[in-house]
C-alpha atoms as a PDB file:
ATOM      1  CA  UNK A   1     -34.521   7.378 -10.703  1.00  0.00           C
ATOM      2  CA  UNK A   2     -34.601   4.941 -13.576  1.00  0.00           C
ATOM      3  CA  UNK A   3     -33.342   1.411 -12.998  1.00  0.00           C
ATOM      4  CA  UNK A   4     -31.536  -0.438 -15.781  1.00  0.00           C
ATOM      5  CA  UNK A   5     -30.702  -4.123 -15.781  1.00  0.00           C
ATOM      6  CA  UNK A   6     -27.535  -5.563 -17.292  1.00  0.00           C
ATOM      7  CA  UNK A   7     -29.662  -7.175 -20.007  1.00  0.00           C
ATOM      8  CA  UNK A   8     -30.850  -3.704 -21.052  1.00  0.00           C
ATOM      9  CA  UNK A   9     -27.329  -2.238 -21.297  1.00  0.00           C
ATOM     10  CA  UNK A  10     -25.361  -1.931 -24.480  1.00  0.00           C
ATOM     11  CA  UNK A  11     -21.970  -3.589 -24.665  1.00  0.00           C
ATOM     12  CA  UNK A  12     -20.288  -0.178 -24.366  1.00  0.00           C
ATOM     13  CA  UNK A  13     -22.376   0.763 -21.314  1.00  0.00           C
ATOM     14  CA  UNK A  14     -21.523  -2.528 -19.599  1.00  0.00           C
ATOM     15  CA  UNK A  15     -17.847  -2.113 -20.439  1.00  0.00           C
ATOM     16  CA  UNK A  16     -17.862   1.440 -19.052  1.00  0.00           C
ATOM     17  CA  UNK A  17     -19.564   0.290 -15.841  1.00  0.00           C
ATOM     18  CA  UNK A  18     -17.071  -2.554 -15.327  1.00  0.00           C
ATOM     19  CA  UNK A  19     -14.109  -0.250 -15.976  1.00  0.00           C
ATOM     20  CA  UNK A  20     -15.473   2.245 -13.464  1.00  0.00           C
ATOM     21  CA  UNK A  21     -15.924  -0.425 -10.804  1.00  0.00           C
ATOM     22  CA  UNK A  22     -12.419  -1.815 -11.388  1.00  0.00           C
ATOM     23  CA  UNK A  23     -10.854   1.666 -11.191  1.00  0.00           C
ATOM     24  CA  UNK A  24     -12.709   2.378  -7.949  1.00  0.00           C
ATOM     25  CA  UNK A  25     -11.633  -0.919  -6.382  1.00  0.00           C
ATOM     26  CA  UNK A  26      -7.997  -0.471  -7.447  1.00  0.00           C
ATOM     27  CA  UNK A  27      -7.976   3.028  -5.965  1.00  0.00           C
ATOM     28  CA  UNK A  28      -9.247   1.584  -2.671  1.00  0.00           C
ATOM     29  CA  UNK A  29      -6.708  -1.261  -2.648  1.00  0.00           C
ATOM     30  CA  UNK A  30      -3.720   0.862  -3.617  1.00  0.00           C
ATOM     31  CA  UNK A  31      -4.465   3.814  -1.350  1.00  0.00           C
ATOM     32  CA  UNK A  32      -1.954   4.603   1.372  1.00  0.00           C
ATOM     33  CA  UNK A  33      -3.635   3.729   4.681  1.00  0.00           C
ATOM     34  CA  UNK A  34      -1.200   6.017   6.526  1.00  0.00           C
ATOM     35  CA  UNK A  35      -1.877   9.025   4.316  1.00  0.00           C
ATOM     36  CA  UNK A  36      -2.443  12.101   6.439  1.00  0.00           C
ATOM     37  CA  UNK A  37      -1.019  10.629   9.644  1.00  0.00           C
ATOM     38  CA  UNK A  38       1.766  12.538  11.371  1.00  0.00           C
ATOM     39  CA  UNK A  39       4.955  10.825  12.502  1.00  0.00           C
ATOM     40  CA  UNK A  40       6.282  11.519  15.947  1.00  0.00           C
ATOM     41  CA  UNK A  41       9.560  13.469  15.677  1.00  0.00           C
ATOM     42  CA  UNK A  42      11.597  10.588  17.135  1.00  0.00           C
ATOM     43  CA  UNK A  43      10.193   8.152  14.561  1.00  0.00           C
ATOM     44  CA  UNK A  44      10.904  10.577  11.727  1.00  0.00           C
ATOM     45  CA  UNK A  45      14.472  11.042  12.981  1.00  0.00           C
ATOM     46  CA  UNK A  46      14.984   7.273  13.205  1.00  0.00           C
ATOM     47  CA  UNK A  47      13.749   6.789   9.631  1.00  0.00           C
ATOM     48  CA  UNK A  48      16.039   9.552   8.380  1.00  0.00           C
ATOM     49  CA  UNK A  49      18.999   7.964  10.194  1.00  0.00           C
ATOM     50  CA  UNK A  50      18.180   4.550   8.724  1.00  0.00           C
ATOM     51  CA  UNK A  51      18.033   6.027   5.225  1.00  0.00           C
ATOM     52  CA  UNK A  52      21.490   7.574   5.739  1.00  0.00           C
ATOM     53  CA  UNK A  53      22.885   4.230   6.937  1.00  0.00           C
ATOM     54  CA  UNK A  54      21.431   2.363   3.954  1.00  0.00           C
ATOM     55  CA  UNK A  55      22.967   4.858   1.532  1.00  0.00           C
ATOM     56  CA  UNK A  56      26.293   4.329   3.335  1.00  0.00           C
ATOM     57  CA  UNK A  57      26.002   0.569   2.799  1.00  0.00           C
ATOM     58  CA  UNK A  58      24.828  -0.386   6.263  1.00  0.00           C
ATOM     59  CA  UNK A  59      21.973  -2.842   5.992  1.00  0.00           C
ATOM     60  CA  UNK A  60      21.490  -3.675   9.665  1.00  0.00           C
ATOM     61  CA  UNK A  61      21.418  -7.161  11.097  1.00  0.00           C
ATOM     62  CA  UNK A  62      20.958 -10.250   9.007  1.00  0.00           C
ATOM     63  CA  UNK A  63      17.725 -12.191   9.244  1.00  0.00           C
ATOM     64  CA  UNK A  64      19.607 -15.153  10.717  1.00  0.00           C
ATOM     65  CA  UNK A  65      21.030 -12.974  13.526  1.00  0.00           C
ATOM     66  CA  UNK A  66      17.632 -11.506  14.370  1.00  0.00           C
ATOM     67  CA  UNK A  67      16.003 -14.948  14.368  1.00  0.00           C
ATOM     68  CA  UNK A  68      18.714 -16.256  16.683  1.00  0.00           C
ATOM     69  CA  UNK A  69      18.283 -13.318  19.065  1.00  0.00           C
ATOM     70  CA  UNK A  70      14.543 -13.947  19.166  1.00  0.00           C
ATOM     71  CA  UNK A  71      15.019 -17.690  19.617  1.00  0.00           C
ATOM     72  CA  UNK A  72      13.292 -18.482  16.328  1.00  0.00           C
ATOM     73  CA  UNK A  73      16.008 -20.644  14.781  1.00  0.00           C
END
C-alpha cells in the first residue's frame, strides 16, 4: 500500500478527501440512533393516540403546569 502525504496531494485530491470525510461525519451525526429498533405495541398505540390528539388541537399540558406538578417552579 502506497502512503501519500498531504503535501504530495493535488488540490483536487485534497478537496475530494475533505469532502469524503465531511460526508462520512455528517452521515454519522445525522443517522437515526433508533433505526431498526422495534416499539412495544403499547408505546406505538400511545404515539398513535397522541398524534390523533395533536391533529384534533389537543396539545397536552402546558410547561408551566408540568413544572408546577413536579415542584420545579
